């Protein structure tokens, strides 16, 4: 990865960095990415996951895409609707999710496992009943699978759309790797390839719907107060880049929200153009610190692991 900036791009890079650190401040999670030396964590520097999760534009847009998808599952949405303060602190919820993803990806093994154990404890206290009398629980393995698949799909598509080409073999490896966190949380039958994810979405679609609760959460998301990193950019750029990643079937379900796909496509093009600036602006984040912890140069993350890249090309 090259982190030098020309005189023309340096101001933009500084503003992007300032924005990211204001929106997602560091040092509040209590996670130490620097120790113990040599500990590869749950994935390690030869994983696809370290590379996909190092791309901030893909992670931000992918996380927003996943959040929209998650509103379509009534039982998954109920836990958030009934047991969180998302109405007043949706950005805080996004930050906590960001800390969890970064920690389980890049922190040393004991810290990553502690994060997973903490979430499992929280999930045990999140349960309730829907209006139709059916029960839900955040510890439900099927719901954990849904949340994981929407996130993994969003992150992968965000990386692929805005940051770098992702061959099919690399995508399959990402799904296979990333499911280990979901399984540690209690998920089951987690898809391990692109084909399995597509089949999973097809199987779960009869359970999905757009109802009053999902419309309320989506309205709050549309009004989210994301600060704007550069003059002339709208917060709609980031929401649009996330919406552009939605599968066609999900975009069809959400058509009544009135977001033109053409407008989202414009946001997607702008996000892809900005991706190199984000990469240069964030040259000291968790992925960089994790590489230093294991004694590997950060530039190794610029390329897919050699064996997998060879498989993808073959």
Protein backbone atom coordinates (compact mmCIF):
# COMPACT_ATOMS: atom_id res chain seq x y z
CA UNK A 1 0.00 0.00 0.00
CA UNK A 2 1.31 3.46 -0.89
CA UNK A 3 0.46 6.18 1.60
CA UNK A 4 2.12 9.21 0.03
CA UNK A 5 -0.17 12.05 -1.02
CA UNK A 6 0.18 14.71 -3.69
CA UNK A 7 -0.24 18.39 -2.80
CA UNK A 8 -3.66 18.26 -4.46
CA UNK A 9 -4.98 15.34 -2.42
CA UNK A 10 -3.30 16.02 0.93
CA UNK A 11 -6.02 18.42 2.22
CA UNK A 12 -8.76 15.96 1.31
CA UNK A 13 -6.89 13.14 3.02
CA UNK A 14 -6.52 15.21 6.19
CA UNK A 15 -10.23 16.04 6.19
CA UNK A 16 -11.22 12.41 5.62
CA UNK A 17 -9.02 11.31 8.50
CA UNK A 18 -10.48 13.95 10.79
CA UNK A 19 -14.00 12.92 9.85
CA UNK A 20 -13.45 9.21 10.38
CA UNK A 21 -11.83 9.74 13.78
CA UNK A 22 -14.67 12.04 14.85
CA UNK A 23 -17.37 9.65 13.65
CA UNK A 24 -15.60 6.51 14.91
CA UNK A 25 -13.20 7.68 17.65
CA UNK A 26 -10.36 5.41 18.69
CA UNK A 27 -9.30 4.50 22.18
CA UNK A 28 -12.83 4.05 23.54
CA UNK A 29 -13.14 0.31 23.01
CA UNK A 30 -10.47 -0.84 25.46
CA UNK A 31 -9.03 -3.14 22.79
CA UNK A 32 -5.25 -3.42 22.58
CA UNK A 33 -4.16 -4.35 19.07
CA UNK A 34 -0.43 -4.20 19.89
CA UNK A 35 0.00 -7.13 22.28
CA UNK A 36 0.92 -9.85 22.88
CA UNK A 37 3.57 -9.91 20.19
CA UNK A 38 3.22 -12.70 17.67
CA UNK A 39 -0.41 -13.57 18.49
CA UNK A 40 -2.28 -13.83 15.15
CA UNK A 41 -5.75 -13.61 16.67
CA UNK A 42 -8.66 -15.53 15.18
CA UNK A 43 -7.63 -15.00 11.54
CA UNK A 44 -4.05 -13.85 11.11
CA UNK A 45 -2.16 -11.96 8.40
CA UNK A 46 -2.58 -14.66 5.75
CA UNK A 47 -6.37 -14.47 5.90
CA UNK A 48 -8.73 -12.90 3.41
CA UNK A 49 -10.66 -11.45 6.35
CA UNK A 50 -7.76 -9.19 7.38
CA UNK A 51 -7.76 -7.76 3.86
CA UNK A 52 -11.50 -7.28 3.39
CA UNK A 53 -11.96 -5.69 6.82
CA UNK A 54 -9.04 -3.28 6.24
CA UNK A 55 -11.03 -1.39 3.59
CA UNK A 56 -12.93 1.37 5.42
CA UNK A 57 -15.25 2.44 2.55
CA UNK A 58 -16.30 -1.16 2.04
CA UNK A 59 -16.88 -1.70 5.75
CA UNK A 60 -18.87 1.52 6.23
CA UNK A 61 -21.09 1.04 3.19
CA UNK A 62 -21.35 -2.69 3.83
CA UNK A 63 -22.39 -2.10 7.43
CA UNK A 64 -25.14 0.27 6.31
CA UNK A 65 -26.29 -2.28 3.73
CA UNK A 66 -26.40 -4.98 6.42
CA UNK A 67 -28.38 -2.74 8.76
CA UNK A 68 -31.02 -2.21 6.08
CA UNK A 69 -31.20 -5.93 5.33
CA UNK A 70 -31.57 -6.74 9.03
CA UNK A 71 -34.68 -4.58 9.29
CA UNK A 72 -36.46 -7.00 6.96
CA UNK A 73 -36.43 -9.91 9.43
CA UNK A 74 -39.18 -9.31 12.05
CA UNK A 75 -37.66 -11.51 14.77
CA UNK A 76 -34.14 -10.19 14.26
CA UNK A 77 -35.43 -6.62 14.25
CA UNK A 78 -37.46 -7.14 17.42
CA UNK A 79 -34.38 -7.49 19.59
CA UNK A 80 -33.09 -4.12 18.44
CA UNK A 81 -36.53 -2.50 18.54
CA UNK A 82 -37.45 -3.68 22.04
CA UNK A 83 -34.08 -3.77 23.78
CA UNK A 84 -31.94 -0.88 22.51
CA UNK A 85 -31.95 2.89 22.32
CA UNK A 86 -31.48 2.97 18.56
CA UNK A 87 -33.93 5.88 18.24
CA UNK A 88 -31.61 8.18 20.19
CA UNK A 89 -28.24 6.57 19.51
CA UNK A 90 -28.10 4.76 16.19
CA UNK A 91 -24.60 6.11 15.57
CA UNK A 92 -23.53 4.70 18.94
CA UNK A 93 -24.87 1.32 17.92
CA UNK A 94 -22.88 1.49 14.68
CA UNK A 95 -19.76 2.36 16.67
CA UNK A 96 -20.20 -0.58 19.03
CA UNK A 97 -20.65 -2.93 16.08
CA UNK A 98 -17.52 -1.44 14.51
CA UNK A 99 -15.52 -2.11 17.69
CA UNK A 100 -16.74 -5.72 17.78
CA UNK A 101 -15.87 -6.40 14.14
CA UNK A 102 -12.45 -4.77 14.43
CA UNK A 103 -11.68 -6.52 17.71
CA UNK A 104 -12.67 -10.00 16.59
CA UNK A 105 -10.78 -9.47 13.33
CA UNK A 106 -7.52 -7.90 14.48
CA UNK A 107 -7.11 -8.25 18.25
CA UNK A 108 -5.09 -11.05 19.82
CA UNK A 109 -6.88 -14.31 20.51
CA UNK A 110 -7.78 -13.81 24.17
CA UNK A 111 -9.25 -10.35 23.54
CA UNK A 112 -11.27 -11.55 20.55
CA UNK A 113 -12.65 -14.45 22.55
CA UNK A 114 -13.51 -12.10 25.43
CA UNK A 115 -15.49 -9.88 23.03
CA UNK A 116 -17.43 -12.88 21.79
CA UNK A 117 -18.14 -14.07 25.34
CA UNK A 118 -19.39 -10.61 26.29
CA UNK A 119 -21.83 -10.50 23.37
CA UNK A 120 -23.07 -13.98 24.21
CA UNK A 121 -23.82 -12.81 27.76
CA UNK A 122 -25.72 -9.79 26.45
CA UNK A 123 -27.71 -11.94 24.05
CA UNK A 124 -28.97 -14.14 26.89
CA UNK A 125 -30.95 -11.17 28.24
CA UNK A 126 -32.51 -10.16 24.92
CA UNK A 127 -35.78 -11.97 24.26
CA UNK A 128 -39.46 -11.24 23.90
CA UNK A 129 -42.64 -11.79 21.98
CA UNK A 130 -43.92 -10.44 18.68
CA UNK A 131 -47.46 -9.19 18.13
CA UNK A 132 -48.45 -12.55 16.65
CA UNK A 133 -47.37 -14.35 19.82
CA UNK A 134 -44.18 -15.87 18.40
CA UNK A 135 -41.10 -15.68 20.59
CA UNK A 136 -37.70 -14.32 19.70
CA UNK A 137 -34.28 -14.48 21.33
CA UNK A 138 -31.00 -12.86 20.39
CA UNK A 139 -29.37 -16.23 21.18
CA UNK A 140 -31.47 -18.00 18.54
CA UNK A 141 -28.92 -19.72 16.27
CA UNK A 142 -30.99 -18.97 13.17
CA UNK A 143 -31.17 -15.25 13.96
CA UNK A 144 -27.44 -15.16 14.67
CA UNK A 145 -26.88 -16.68 11.24
CA UNK A 146 -29.09 -14.04 9.62
CA UNK A 147 -27.22 -11.17 11.26
CA UNK A 148 -23.85 -12.65 10.32
CA UNK A 149 -24.77 -13.36 6.70
CA UNK A 150 -26.13 -9.85 6.13
CA UNK A 151 -22.94 -8.35 7.56
CA UNK A 152 -20.57 -10.64 5.68
CA UNK A 153 -22.48 -10.04 2.46
CA UNK A 154 -22.38 -6.27 2.98
CA UNK A 155 -18.68 -6.16 3.85
CA UNK A 156 -17.70 -8.35 0.91
CA UNK A 157 -19.84 -6.46 -1.57
CA UNK A 158 -18.57 -3.14 -0.23
CA UNK A 159 -14.98 -4.27 -0.70
CA UNK A 160 -15.74 -5.60 -4.18
CA UNK A 161 -17.72 -2.58 -5.34
CA UNK A 162 -15.59 0.23 -3.92
CA UNK A 163 -12.11 -1.01 -3.02
CA UNK A 164 -10.67 -3.92 -5.00
CA UNK A 165 -11.61 -6.78 -7.28
CA UNK A 166 -12.63 -9.91 -5.37
CA UNK A 167 -12.34 -13.14 -7.40
CA UNK A 168 -14.91 -15.84 -6.70
CA UNK A 169 -12.41 -18.10 -4.93
CA UNK A 170 -11.40 -15.25 -2.63
CA UNK A 171 -15.04 -14.46 -1.87
CA UNK A 172 -15.68 -18.11 -1.00
CA UNK A 173 -12.69 -18.07 1.31
CA UNK A 174 -13.94 -14.93 3.02
CA UNK A 175 -17.33 -16.47 3.76
CA UNK A 176 -15.66 -19.65 4.99
CA UNK A 177 -13.29 -17.75 7.29
CA UNK A 178 -15.66 -15.14 8.69
CA UNK A 179 -18.27 -17.66 9.81
CA UNK A 180 -16.04 -18.78 12.69
CA UNK A 181 -17.07 -15.69 14.70
CA UNK A 182 -20.75 -16.35 14.00
CA UNK A 183 -20.37 -19.97 15.05
CA UNK A 184 -18.57 -18.91 18.22
CA UNK A 185 -21.57 -16.69 19.00
CA UNK A 186 -23.90 -19.67 18.52
CA UNK A 187 -24.93 -19.48 14.87
CA UNK A 188 -25.48 -22.72 12.98
CA UNK A 189 -25.57 -23.84 9.35
CA UNK A 190 -23.65 -20.70 8.40
CA UNK A 191 -23.08 -20.38 4.62
CA UNK A 192 -19.46 -20.85 3.63
CA UNK A 193 -19.41 -19.70 -0.02
CA UNK A 194 -21.07 -17.25 -2.41
CA UNK A 195 -23.34 -19.95 -3.75
CA UNK A 196 -24.38 -20.96 -0.25
CA UNK A 197 -25.10 -17.32 0.67
CA UNK A 198 -27.30 -16.91 -2.40
CA UNK A 199 -29.15 -20.13 -1.55
CA UNK A 200 -29.51 -18.98 2.05
CA UNK A 201 -31.08 -15.67 1.04
CA UNK A 202 -33.46 -17.52 -1.27
CA UNK A 203 -34.51 -19.84 1.56
CA UNK A 204 -35.04 -17.09 4.15
CA UNK A 205 -36.90 -14.63 1.93
CA UNK A 206 -40.40 -15.96 2.82
CA UNK A 207 -39.73 -14.84 6.43
CA UNK A 208 -38.88 -11.26 5.44
CA UNK A 209 -41.19 -8.29 5.19
CA UNK A 210 -41.38 -4.51 5.32
CA UNK A 211 -43.69 -3.59 8.20
CA UNK A 212 -44.31 -0.65 10.55
CA UNK A 213 -41.28 -1.46 12.70
CA UNK A 214 -38.89 -1.80 9.80
CA UNK A 215 -40.21 1.41 8.24
CA UNK A 216 -39.61 3.26 11.52
CA UNK A 217 -36.02 2.04 11.79
CA UNK A 218 -35.38 2.81 8.12
CA UNK A 219 -36.73 6.34 8.57
CA UNK A 220 -34.33 6.88 11.48
CA UNK A 221 -31.48 5.53 9.36
CA UNK A 222 -32.39 7.88 6.51
CA UNK A 223 -32.22 10.79 8.95
CA UNK A 224 -29.00 9.66 10.65
CA UNK A 225 -26.68 12.54 11.49
CA UNK A 226 -23.53 11.36 9.81
CA UNK A 227 -21.05 14.25 9.67
CA UNK A 228 -19.87 15.19 6.20
CA UNK A 229 -16.13 14.68 5.60
CA UNK A 230 -15.60 17.01 2.63
CA UNK A 231 -17.28 20.16 1.34
CA UNK A 232 -19.85 19.47 -1.35
CA UNK A 233 -20.57 15.91 -0.17
CA UNK A 234 -23.89 14.92 1.30
CA UNK A 235 -24.42 12.34 4.03
CA UNK A 236 -26.67 10.79 1.39
CA UNK A 237 -23.50 9.68 -0.40
CA UNK A 238 -22.75 7.16 2.34
CA UNK A 239 -26.34 5.99 2.71
CA UNK A 240 -26.62 5.71 -1.06
CA UNK A 241 -23.39 3.74 -1.33
CA UNK A 242 -24.77 1.30 1.23
CA UNK A 243 -28.12 1.04 -0.54
CA UNK A 244 -26.37 0.37 -3.85
CA UNK A 245 -25.02 -2.88 -2.38
CA UNK A 246 -28.48 -4.31 -1.65
CA UNK A 247 -29.46 -7.43 -3.60
CA UNK A 248 -32.08 -6.71 -6.25
CA UNK A 249 -34.74 -8.66 -4.34
CA UNK A 250 -34.17 -6.53 -1.23
CA UNK A 251 -34.19 -3.30 -3.22
CA UNK A 252 -37.50 -4.44 -4.70
CA UNK A 253 -39.00 -5.01 -1.26
CA UNK A 254 -37.85 -1.55 -0.19
CA UNK A 255 -38.97 0.21 -3.35
CA UNK A 256 -41.68 2.08 -1.47
CA UNK A 257 -38.97 4.03 0.37
CA UNK A 258 -38.50 6.04 -2.80
CA UNK A 259 -34.71 5.77 -3.12
CA UNK A 260 -33.99 5.80 -6.87
CA UNK A 261 -31.46 3.12 -7.76
CA UNK A 262 -29.91 5.55 -10.26
CA UNK A 263 -29.14 7.99 -7.43
CA UNK A 264 -27.58 5.20 -5.39
CA UNK A 265 -25.45 4.27 -8.41
CA UNK A 266 -24.06 7.82 -8.48
CA UNK A 267 -23.18 7.50 -4.79
CA UNK A 268 -21.47 4.20 -5.56
CA UNK A 269 -19.27 5.77 -8.24
CA UNK A 270 -18.25 8.58 -5.90
CA UNK A 271 -17.45 6.14 -3.10
CA UNK A 272 -15.23 4.08 -5.38
CA UNK A 273 -13.39 7.22 -6.47
CA UNK A 274 -12.80 8.19 -2.83
CA UNK A 275 -11.57 4.76 -1.68
CA UNK A 276 -7.84 5.44 -2.33
CA UNK A 277 -8.09 8.64 -0.28
CA UNK A 278 -9.62 6.74 2.65
CA UNK A 279 -6.82 4.18 2.42
CA UNK A 280 -4.16 6.87 2.65
CA UNK A 281 -5.98 8.73 5.41
CA UNK A 282 -6.24 5.67 7.67
CA UNK A 283 -2.72 4.29 7.68
CA UNK A 284 -2.50 3.55 11.41
CA UNK A 285 -5.69 1.64 12.24
CA UNK A 286 -6.26 -1.83 13.72
CA UNK A 287 -5.06 -3.69 10.62
CA UNK A 288 -1.75 -1.80 10.66
CA UNK A 289 -1.26 -2.36 14.39
CA UNK A 290 -2.12 -6.05 14.06
CA UNK A 291 0.47 -6.46 11.28
CA UNK A 292 3.09 -4.90 13.52
CA UNK A 293 2.08 -7.20 16.37
CA UNK A 294 2.79 -10.29 14.28
CA UNK A 295 5.88 -8.86 12.62
CA UNK A 296 4.47 -8.53 9.09
CA UNK A 297 4.68 -5.44 6.86
CA UNK A 298 1.28 -3.88 6.30
CA UNK A 299 1.78 -3.83 2.53
CA UNK A 300 1.11 -7.59 2.46
CA UNK A 301 -2.58 -6.71 2.87
CA UNK A 302 -2.58 -4.99 -0.52
CA UNK A 303 -2.61 -8.37 -2.29
CA UNK A 304 -4.69 -11.47 -1.79
CA UNK A 305 -2.84 -14.42 -0.19
CA UNK A 306 -0.72 -15.99 -2.91
CA UNK A 307 -2.11 -19.51 -2.83
CA UNK A 308 -5.69 -18.23 -2.97
CA UNK A 309 -4.89 -15.71 -5.69
CA UNK A 310 -3.38 -18.53 -7.71
CA UNK A 311 -6.45 -20.66 -7.16
CA UNK A 312 -8.65 -17.75 -8.24
CA UNK A 313 -6.65 -17.25 -11.42
CA UNK A 314 -6.59 -20.91 -12.29
